[in-house]
Structures are given as structure tokens and as C-alpha cells.
Amino acid sequence: MCLAIPSRIVRIDDLRAIVDVYGARREINLMLLNDNAEIGDYVLVHAGFAIQKVEREAAQDALRVISTIIEEVEREDRSEGSSDIHSG
């Protein structure tokens, strides 16, 4: 199973692009996209290839949901960690 996180294109050079996700940047390949990609577009990336463009609003909604999940998991981890300290 894989989770595709929407990534925003910040630079394009022919069929290569740099995408940004939560401040992390990486190079991807655009050759599998059916649509022309532009700077500012959001794409789903799998194994280094953009596989689909995503509407901006849908991408931003997904990123908000993912951020909320990450925050909740981190909060639970901190909570479990503090109970381990007091139980020993």
C-alpha cells in the first residue's frame, strides 16, 4: 500500500520537476502525466514519477487532513511516552 501526498511543483526543466511537500523538496519525473504540468500545479507522486495532477483545492484539503493526522499521532506518542516515564 502506498500513500500519495499531493506535491506542489516549484520548478520545471523539460520532463523533470522539483516538488515541495511541507518544505521538503525532491526531483521527480513528469513523463507519465497526460496533462501539461505548470509551476504551482499539484501532482501525486509515486516512485519518483508524477502520476496525476490534482486540483489545488483538493490538494490543499488533503494536506490539511494529513497534517491533522500527523499532529494527532504525535500527540498520542507524547502522551504514551509520558505515561511510560511515570509507570517505571
PDB file of N, CA and C in Angstrom:
ATOM      1  N   MET A   1       0.843  -1.176   0.000  1.00  0.00           N
ATOM      2  CA  MET A   1       0.000   0.000   0.000  1.00  0.00           C
ATOM      3  C   MET A   1       0.886   1.236   0.000  1.00  0.00           C
ATOM      4  N   CYS A   2       0.463   2.255  -0.707  1.00  0.00           N
ATOM      5  CA  CYS A   2       1.224   3.500  -0.668  1.00  0.00           C
ATOM      6  C   CYS A   2       0.261   4.662  -0.462  1.00  0.00           C
ATOM      7  N   LEU A   3       0.781   5.702   0.103  1.00  0.00           N
ATOM      8  CA  LEU A   3       0.015   6.920   0.326  1.00  0.00           C
ATOM      9  C   LEU A   3       0.624   7.997  -0.547  1.00  0.00           C
ATOM     10  N   ALA A   4      -0.148   8.524  -1.466  1.00  0.00           N
ATOM     11  CA  ALA A   4       0.333   9.592  -2.334  1.00  0.00           C
ATOM     12  C   ALA A   4      -0.058  10.931  -1.725  1.00  0.00           C
ATOM     13  N   ILE A   5       0.927  11.729  -1.428  1.00  0.00           N
ATOM     14  CA  ILE A   5       0.700  13.045  -0.836  1.00  0.00           C
ATOM     15  C   ILE A   5       0.810  14.082  -1.944  1.00  0.00           C
ATOM     16  N   PRO A   6      -0.184  14.961  -2.073  1.00  0.00           N
ATOM     17  CA  PRO A   6      -0.093  15.995  -3.107  1.00  0.00           C
ATOM     18  C   PRO A   6       1.175  16.835  -2.940  1.00  0.00           C
ATOM     19  N   SER A   7       1.864  17.029  -4.040  1.00  0.00           N
ATOM     20  CA  SER A   7       3.123  17.767  -4.051  1.00  0.00           C
ATOM     21  C   SER A   7       3.003  18.933  -5.020  1.00  0.00           C
ATOM     22  N   ARG A   8       3.470  20.106  -4.598  1.00  0.00           N
ATOM     23  CA  ARG A   8       3.356  21.311  -5.435  1.00  0.00           C
ATOM     24  C   ARG A   8       4.621  21.483  -6.267  1.00  0.00           C
ATOM     25  N   ILE A   9       4.447  21.654  -7.571  1.00  0.00           N
ATOM     26  CA  ILE A   9       5.582  21.855  -8.473  1.00  0.00           C
ATOM     27  C   ILE A   9       6.135  23.269  -8.286  1.00  0.00           C
ATOM     28  N   VAL A  10       7.438  23.347  -8.032  1.00  0.00           N
ATOM     29  CA  VAL A  10       8.068  24.657  -7.841  1.00  0.00           C
ATOM     30  C   VAL A  10       9.063  24.995  -8.952  1.00  0.00           C
ATOM     31  N   ARG A  11       9.469  23.980  -9.723  1.00  0.00           N
ATOM     32  CA  ARG A  11      10.375  24.235 -10.846  1.00  0.00           C
ATOM     33  C   ARG A  11      10.210  23.127 -11.877  1.00  0.00           C
ATOM     34  N   ILE A  12      10.294  23.491 -13.146  1.00  0.00           N
ATOM     35  CA  ILE A  12      10.184  22.512 -14.229  1.00  0.00           C
ATOM     36  C   ILE A  12      11.342  22.712 -15.190  1.00  0.00           C
ATOM     37  N   ASP A  13      11.952  21.594 -15.588  1.00  0.00           N
ATOM     38  CA  ASP A  13      13.006  21.600 -16.589  1.00  0.00           C
ATOM     39  C   ASP A  13      12.751  20.416 -17.520  1.00  0.00           C
ATOM     40  N   ASP A  14      12.065  20.683 -18.624  1.00  0.00           N
ATOM     41  CA  ASP A  14      11.683  19.658 -19.593  1.00  0.00           C
ATOM     42  C   ASP A  14      10.760  18.641 -18.912  1.00  0.00           C
ATOM     43  N   LEU A  15      11.171  17.392 -18.773  1.00  0.00           N
ATOM     44  CA  LEU A  15      10.329  16.375 -18.133  1.00  0.00           C
ATOM     45  C   LEU A  15      10.711  16.119 -16.675  1.00  0.00           C
ATOM     46  N   ARG A  16      11.545  16.957 -16.126  1.00  0.00           N
ATOM     47  CA  ARG A  16      11.931  16.858 -14.709  1.00  0.00           C
ATOM     48  C   ARG A  16      11.311  18.046 -13.974  1.00  0.00           C
ATOM     49  N   ALA A  17      11.017  17.837 -12.706  1.00  0.00           N
ATOM     50  CA  ALA A  17      10.454  18.926 -11.903  1.00  0.00           C
ATOM     51  C   ALA A  17      10.925  18.791 -10.472  1.00  0.00           C
ATOM     52  N   ILE A  18      10.897  19.900  -9.760  1.00  0.00           N
ATOM     53  CA  ILE A  18      11.135  19.910  -8.315  1.00  0.00           C
ATOM     54  C   ILE A  18       9.781  20.167  -7.679  1.00  0.00           C
ATOM     55  N   VAL A  19       9.422  19.308  -6.704  1.00  0.00           N
ATOM     56  CA  VAL A  19       8.165  19.489  -5.977  1.00  0.00           C
ATOM     57  C   VAL A  19       8.456  19.773  -4.515  1.00  0.00           C
ATOM     58  N   ASP A  20       7.486  20.414  -3.876  1.00  0.00           N
ATOM     59  CA  ASP A  20       7.595  20.768  -2.466  1.00  0.00           C
ATOM     60  C   ASP A  20       6.429  20.141  -1.708  1.00  0.00           C
ATOM     61  N   VAL A  21       6.757  19.489  -0.594  1.00  0.00           N
ATOM     62  CA  VAL A  21       5.748  18.947   0.308  1.00  0.00           C
ATOM     63  C   VAL A  21       6.187  19.292   1.724  1.00  0.00           C
ATOM     64  N   TYR A  22       5.419  20.133   2.400  1.00  0.00           N
ATOM     65  CA  TYR A  22       5.737  20.540   3.773  1.00  0.00           C
ATOM     66  C   TYR A  22       7.170  21.069   3.895  1.00  0.00           C
ATOM     67  N   GLY A  23       7.668  21.723   2.876  1.00  0.00           N
ATOM     68  CA  GLY A  23       9.001  22.304   2.916  1.00  0.00           C
ATOM     69  C   GLY A  23      10.102  21.387   2.428  1.00  0.00           C
ATOM     70  N   ALA A  24       9.810  20.109   2.244  1.00  0.00           N
ATOM     71  CA  ALA A  24      10.803  19.166   1.710  1.00  0.00           C
ATOM     72  C   ALA A  24      10.687  19.181   0.189  1.00  0.00           C
ATOM     73  N   ARG A  25      11.828  19.253  -0.471  1.00  0.00           N
ATOM     74  CA  ARG A  25      11.837  19.303  -1.941  1.00  0.00           C
ATOM     75  C   ARG A  25      12.542  18.087  -2.496  1.00  0.00           C
ATOM     76  N   ARG A  26      12.011  17.618  -3.644  1.00  0.00           N
ATOM     77  CA  ARG A  26      12.661  16.496  -4.320  1.00  0.00           C
ATOM     78  C   ARG A  26      12.411  16.590  -5.816  1.00  0.00           C
ATOM     79  N   GLU A  27      13.272  15.937  -6.562  1.00  0.00           N
ATOM     80  CA  GLU A  27      13.149  15.927  -8.015  1.00  0.00           C
ATOM     81  C   GLU A  27      12.269  14.750  -8.429  1.00  0.00           C
ATOM     82  N   ILE A  28      11.386  15.009  -9.399  1.00  0.00           N
ATOM     83  CA  ILE A  28      10.510  13.970  -9.925  1.00  0.00           C
ATOM     84  C   ILE A  28      10.523  14.005 -11.448  1.00  0.00           C
ATOM     85  N   ASN A  29       9.919  12.984 -12.036  1.00  0.00           N
ATOM     86  CA  ASN A  29       9.810  12.891 -13.482  1.00  0.00           C
ATOM     87  C   ASN A  29       8.357  13.127 -13.880  1.00  0.00           C
ATOM     88  N   LEU A  30       8.141  13.898 -14.947  1.00  0.00           N
ATOM     89  CA  LEU A  30       6.795  14.245 -15.407  1.00  0.00           C
ATOM     90  C   LEU A  30       6.323  13.422 -16.604  1.00  0.00           C
ATOM     91  N   MET A  31       7.121  12.477 -17.080  1.00  0.00           N
ATOM     92  CA  MET A  31       6.821  11.805 -18.346  1.00  0.00           C
ATOM     93  C   MET A  31       5.531  10.981 -18.327  1.00  0.00           C
ATOM     94  N   LEU A  32       5.000  10.604 -17.167  1.00  0.00           N
ATOM     95  CA  LEU A  32       3.784   9.795 -17.121  1.00  0.00           C
ATOM     96  C   LEU A  32       2.498  10.621 -17.072  1.00  0.00           C
ATOM     97  N   LEU A  33       2.628  11.933 -16.934  1.00  0.00           N
ATOM     98  CA  LEU A  33       1.440  12.788 -16.868  1.00  0.00           C
ATOM     99  C   LEU A  33       0.792  12.921 -18.239  1.00  0.00           C
ATOM    100  N   ASN A  34      -0.528  12.824 -18.278  1.00  0.00           N
ATOM    101  CA  ASN A  34      -1.270  13.049 -19.522  1.00  0.00           C
ATOM    102  C   ASN A  34      -1.436  14.536 -19.807  1.00  0.00           C
ATOM    103  N   ASP A  35      -1.473  15.342 -18.746  1.00  0.00           N
ATOM    104  CA  ASP A  35      -1.672  16.786 -18.875  1.00  0.00           C
ATOM    105  C   ASP A  35      -0.339  17.509 -18.771  1.00  0.00           C
ATOM    106  N   ASN A  36      -0.272  18.686 -19.371  1.00  0.00           N
ATOM    107  CA  ASN A  36       0.907  19.525 -19.205  1.00  0.00           C
ATOM    108  C   ASN A  36       0.947  20.056 -17.784  1.00  0.00           C
ATOM    109  N   ALA A  37       2.103  19.994 -17.174  1.00  0.00           N
ATOM    110  CA  ALA A  37       2.265  20.485 -15.810  1.00  0.00           C
ATOM    111  C   ALA A  37       2.863  21.886 -15.847  1.00  0.00           C
ATOM    112  N   GLU A  38       2.443  22.699 -14.888  1.00  0.00           N
ATOM    113  CA  GLU A  38       2.957  24.057 -14.757  1.00  0.00           C
ATOM    114  C   GLU A  38       3.385  24.299 -13.320  1.00  0.00           C
ATOM    115  N   ILE A  39       4.254  25.270 -13.139  1.00  0.00           N
ATOM    116  CA  ILE A  39       4.656  25.655 -11.792  1.00  0.00           C
ATOM    117  C   ILE A  39       3.411  26.059 -11.011  1.00  0.00           C
ATOM    118  N   GLY A  40       3.309  25.544  -9.799  1.00  0.00           N
ATOM    119  CA  GLY A  40       2.154  25.808  -8.951  1.00  0.00           C
ATOM    120  C   GLY A  40       1.128  24.691  -8.978  1.00  0.00           C
ATOM    121  N   ASP A  41       1.192  23.814  -9.989  1.00  0.00           N
ATOM    122  CA  ASP A  41       0.280  22.672 -10.033  1.00  0.00           C
ATOM    123  C   ASP A  41       0.610  21.694  -8.917  1.00  0.00           C
ATOM    124  N   TYR A  42      -0.405  20.954  -8.497  1.00  0.00           N
ATOM    125  CA  TYR A  42      -0.222  19.875  -7.537  1.00  0.00           C
ATOM    126  C   TYR A  42      -0.312  18.551  -8.278  1.00  0.00           C
ATOM    127  N   VAL A  43       0.572  17.622  -7.914  1.00  0.00           N
ATOM    128  CA  VAL A  43       0.595  16.301  -8.527  1.00  0.00           C
ATOM    129  C   VAL A  43       0.722  15.240  -7.449  1.00  0.00           C
ATOM    130  N   LEU A  44       0.254  14.031  -7.780  1.00  0.00           N
ATOM    131  CA  LEU A  44       0.508  12.870  -6.933  1.00  0.00           C
ATOM    132  C   LEU A  44       1.747  12.196  -7.484  1.00  0.00           C
ATOM    133  N   VAL A  45       2.651  11.805  -6.584  1.00  0.00           N
ATOM    134  CA  VAL A  45       3.935  11.240  -6.990  1.00  0.00           C
ATOM    135  C   VAL A  45       4.042   9.813  -6.460  1.00  0.00           C
ATOM    136  N   HIS A  46       4.462   8.910  -7.339  1.00  0.00           N
ATOM    137  CA  HIS A  46       4.722   7.527  -6.941  1.00  0.00           C
ATOM    138  C   HIS A  46       6.043   7.095  -7.549  1.00  0.00           C
ATOM    139  N   ALA A  47       6.933   6.598  -6.716  1.00  0.00           N
ATOM    140  CA  ALA A  47       8.237   6.093  -7.161  1.00  0.00           C
ATOM    141  C   ALA A  47       8.988   7.107  -8.014  1.00  0.00           C
ATOM    142  N   GLY A  48       8.877   8.382  -7.660  1.00  0.00           N
ATOM    143  CA  GLY A  48       9.617   9.420  -8.360  1.00  0.00           C
ATOM    144  C   GLY A  48       8.960   9.960  -9.615  1.00  0.00           C
ATOM    145  N   PHE A  49       7.758   9.478  -9.935  1.00  0.00           N
ATOM    146  CA  PHE A  49       7.032   9.928 -11.120  1.00  0.00           C
ATOM    147  C   PHE A  49       5.732  10.605 -10.720  1.00  0.00           C
ATOM    148  N   ALA A  50       5.446  11.747 -11.333  1.00  0.00           N
ATOM    149  CA  ALA A  50       4.133  12.365 -11.171  1.00  0.00           C
ATOM    150  C   ALA A  50       3.164  11.497 -11.956  1.00  0.00           C
ATOM    151  N   ILE A  51       2.110  11.015 -11.291  1.00  0.00           N
ATOM    152  CA  ILE A  51       1.180  10.108 -11.965  1.00  0.00           C
ATOM    153  C   ILE A  51      -0.170  10.751 -12.246  1.00  0.00           C
ATOM    154  N   GLN A  52      -0.434  11.890 -11.587  1.00  0.00           N
ATOM    155  CA  GLN A  52      -1.729  12.542 -11.790  1.00  0.00           C
ATOM    156  C   GLN A  52      -1.687  13.963 -11.257  1.00  0.00           C
ATOM    157  N   LYS A  53      -2.298  14.879 -12.008  1.00  0.00           N
ATOM    158  CA  LYS A  53      -2.487  16.233 -11.491  1.00  0.00           C
ATOM    159  C   LYS A  53      -3.690  16.230 -10.558  1.00  0.00           C
ATOM    160  N   VAL A  54      -3.654  17.123  -9.562  1.00  0.00           N
ATOM    161  CA  VAL A  54      -4.727  17.230  -8.579  1.00  0.00           C
ATOM    162  C   VAL A  54      -5.154  18.691  -8.521  1.00  0.00           C
ATOM    163  N   GLU A  55      -6.450  18.932  -8.453  1.00  0.00           N
ATOM    164  CA  GLU A  55      -6.946  20.296  -8.313  1.00  0.00           C
ATOM    165  C   GLU A  55      -6.392  20.922  -7.041  1.00  0.00           C
ATOM    166  N   ARG A  56      -6.058  22.199  -7.111  1.00  0.00           N
ATOM    167  CA  ARG A  56      -5.438  22.921  -5.989  1.00  0.00           C
ATOM    168  C   ARG A  56      -6.254  22.769  -4.697  1.00  0.00           C
ATOM    169  N   GLU A  57      -7.556  22.997  -4.775  1.00  0.00           N
ATOM    170  CA  GLU A  57      -8.387  22.939  -3.567  1.00  0.00           C
ATOM    171  C   GLU A  57      -8.386  21.537  -2.958  1.00  0.00           C
ATOM    172  N   ALA A  58      -8.493  20.512  -3.790  1.00  0.00           N
ATOM    173  CA  ALA A  58      -8.477  19.132  -3.301  1.00  0.00           C
ATOM    174  C   ALA A  58      -7.127  18.797  -2.672  1.00  0.00           C
ATOM    175  N   ALA A  59      -6.048  19.256  -3.299  1.00  0.00           N
ATOM    176  CA  ALA A  59      -4.707  19.015  -2.769  1.00  0.00           C
ATOM    177  C   ALA A  59      -4.543  19.684  -1.407  1.00  0.00           C
ATOM    178  N   GLN A  60      -4.969  20.931  -1.288  1.00  0.00           N
ATOM    179  CA  GLN A  60      -4.831  21.650  -0.030  1.00  0.00           C
ATOM    180  C   GLN A  60      -5.701  21.027   1.055  1.00  0.00           C
ATOM    181  N   ASP A  61      -6.898  20.568   0.707  1.00  0.00           N
ATOM    182  CA  ASP A  61      -7.748  19.864   1.673  1.00  0.00           C
ATOM    183  C   ASP A  61      -7.061  18.595   2.163  1.00  0.00           C
ATOM    184  N   ALA A  62      -6.494  17.819   1.241  1.00  0.00           N
ATOM    185  CA  ALA A  62      -5.804  16.581   1.606  1.00  0.00           C
ATOM    186  C   ALA A  62      -4.605  16.868   2.505  1.00  0.00           C
ATOM    187  N   LEU A  63      -3.844  17.917   2.189  1.00  0.00           N
ATOM    188  CA  LEU A  63      -2.685  18.264   3.012  1.00  0.00           C
ATOM    189  C   LEU A  63      -3.105  18.683   4.417  1.00  0.00           C
ATOM    190  N   ARG A  64      -4.244  19.373   4.537  1.00  0.00           N
ATOM    191  CA  ARG A  64      -4.752  19.743   5.869  1.00  0.00           C
ATOM    192  C   ARG A  64      -5.137  18.494   6.664  1.00  0.00           C
ATOM    193  N   VAL A  65      -5.804  17.558   6.022  1.00  0.00           N
ATOM    194  CA  VAL A  65      -6.193  16.317   6.701  1.00  0.00           C
ATOM    195  C   VAL A  65      -4.952  15.542   7.143  1.00  0.00           C
ATOM    196  N   ILE A  66      -3.972  15.427   6.260  1.00  0.00           N
ATOM    197  CA  ILE A  66      -2.737  14.713   6.594  1.00  0.00           C
ATOM    198  C   ILE A  66      -2.031  15.394   7.761  1.00  0.00           C
ATOM    199  N   SER A  67      -1.973  16.718   7.771  1.00  0.00           N
ATOM    200  CA  SER A  67      -1.350  17.455   8.875  1.00  0.00           C
ATOM    201  C   SER A  67      -2.066  17.177  10.189  1.00  0.00           C
ATOM    202  N   THR A  68      -3.385  17.141  10.147  1.00  0.00           N
ATOM    203  CA  THR A  68      -4.171  16.862  11.351  1.00  0.00           C
ATOM    204  C   THR A  68      -3.871  15.460  11.876  1.00  0.00           C
ATOM    205  N   ILE A  69      -3.780  14.499  10.987  1.00  0.00           N
ATOM    206  CA  ILE A  69      -3.466  13.121  11.388  1.00  0.00           C
ATOM    207  C   ILE A  69      -2.081  13.052  12.004  1.00  0.00           C
ATOM    208  N   ILE A  70      -1.104  13.698  11.379  1.00  0.00           N
ATOM    209  CA  ILE A  70       0.266  13.704  11.910  1.00  0.00           C
ATOM    210  C   ILE A  70       0.292  14.325  13.296  1.00  0.00           C
ATOM    211  N   GLU A  71      -0.392  15.451  13.473  1.00  0.00           N
ATOM    212  CA  GLU A  71      -0.429  16.107  14.782  1.00  0.00           C
ATOM    213  C   GLU A  71      -1.058  15.201  15.835  1.00  0.00           C
ATOM    214  N   GLU A  72      -2.129  14.498  15.493  1.00  0.00           N
ATOM    215  CA  GLU A  72      -2.798  13.600  16.434  1.00  0.00           C
ATOM    216  C   GLU A  72      -1.889  12.437  16.826  1.00  0.00           C
ATOM    217  N   VAL A  73      -1.214  11.848  15.848  1.00  0.00           N
ATOM    218  CA  VAL A  73      -0.289  10.743  16.133  1.00  0.00           C
ATOM    219  C   VAL A  73       0.839  11.226  17.035  1.00  0.00           C
ATOM    220  N   GLU A  74       1.399  12.393  16.747  1.00  0.00           N
ATOM    221  CA  GLU A  74       2.472  12.940  17.578  1.00  0.00           C
ATOM    222  C   GLU A  74       1.977  13.209  18.996  1.00  0.00           C
ATOM    223  N   ARG A  75       0.748  13.723  19.129  1.00  0.00           N
ATOM    224  CA  ARG A  75       0.170  13.992  20.439  1.00  0.00           C
ATOM    225  C   ARG A  75       0.007  12.676  21.216  1.00  0.00           C
ATOM    226  N   GLU A  76      -0.484  11.628  20.551  1.00  0.00           N
ATOM    227  CA  GLU A  76      -0.637  10.321  21.193  1.00  0.00           C
ATOM    228  C   GLU A  76       0.715   9.745  21.601  1.00  0.00           C
ATOM    229  N   ASP A  77       1.721   9.898  20.732  1.00  0.00           N
ATOM    230  CA  ASP A  77       3.065   9.404  21.053  1.00  0.00           C
ATOM    231  C   ASP A  77       3.624  10.099  22.285  1.00  0.00           C
ATOM    232  N   ARG A  78       3.441  11.425  22.352  1.00  0.00           N
ATOM    233  CA  ARG A  78       3.922  12.162  23.523  1.00  0.00           C
ATOM    234  C   ARG A  78       3.183  11.717  24.781  1.00  0.00           C
ATOM    235  N   SER A  79       1.895  11.500  24.672  1.00  0.00           N
ATOM    236  CA  SER A  79       1.082  11.080  25.796  1.00  0.00           C
ATOM    237  C   SER A  79       1.506   9.702  26.281  1.00  0.00           C
ATOM    238  N   GLU A  80       1.721   8.770  25.359  1.00  0.00           N
ATOM    239  CA  GLU A  80       2.167   7.421  25.719  1.00  0.00           C
ATOM    240  C   GLU A  80       3.555   7.457  26.312  1.00  0.00           C
ATOM    241  N   GLY A  81       4.417   8.305  25.783  1.00  0.00           N
ATOM    242  CA  GLY A  81       5.781   8.431  26.313  1.00  0.00           C
ATOM    243  C   GLY A  81       5.812   8.944  27.732  1.00  0.00           C
ATOM    244  N   SER A  82       4.946   9.892  28.059  1.00  0.00           N
ATOM    245  CA  SER A  82       4.936  10.437  29.416  1.00  0.00           C
ATOM    246  C   SER A  82       4.373   9.423  30.390  1.00  0.00           C
ATOM    247  N   SER A  83       3.444   8.569  29.983  1.00  0.00           N
ATOM    248  CA  SER A  83       2.915   7.555  30.894  1.00  0.00           C
ATOM    249  C   SER A  83       3.947   6.469  31.142  1.00  0.00           C
ATOM    250  N   ASP A  84       4.819   6.180  30.162  1.00  0.00           N
ATOM    251  CA  ASP A  84       5.879   5.188  30.351  1.00  0.00           C
ATOM    252  C   ASP A  84       6.867   5.671  31.401  1.00  0.00           C
ATOM    253  N   ILE A  85       7.160   6.947  31.408  1.00  0.00           N
ATOM    254  CA  ILE A  85       8.111   7.503  32.357  1.00  0.00           C
ATOM    255  C   ILE A  85       7.578   7.338  33.774  1.00  0.00           C
ATOM    256  N   HIS A  86       6.285   7.580  33.978  1.00  0.00           N
ATOM    257  CA  HIS A  86       5.712   7.535  35.318  1.00  0.00           C
ATOM    258  C   HIS A  86       5.395   6.127  35.780  1.00  0.00           C
ATOM    259  N   SER A  87       5.343   5.165  34.870  1.00  0.00           N
ATOM    260  CA  SER A  87       4.956   3.806  35.259  1.00  0.00           C
ATOM    261  C   SER A  87       6.136   2.992  35.767  1.00  0.00           C
ATOM    262  N   GLY A  88       7.371   3.455  35.560  1.00  0.00           N
ATOM    263  CA  GLY A  88       8.533   2.653  35.896  1.00  0.00           C
ATOM    264  C   GLY A  88       9.023   2.974  37.213  1.00  0.00           C
TER     265      GLY A  88
END
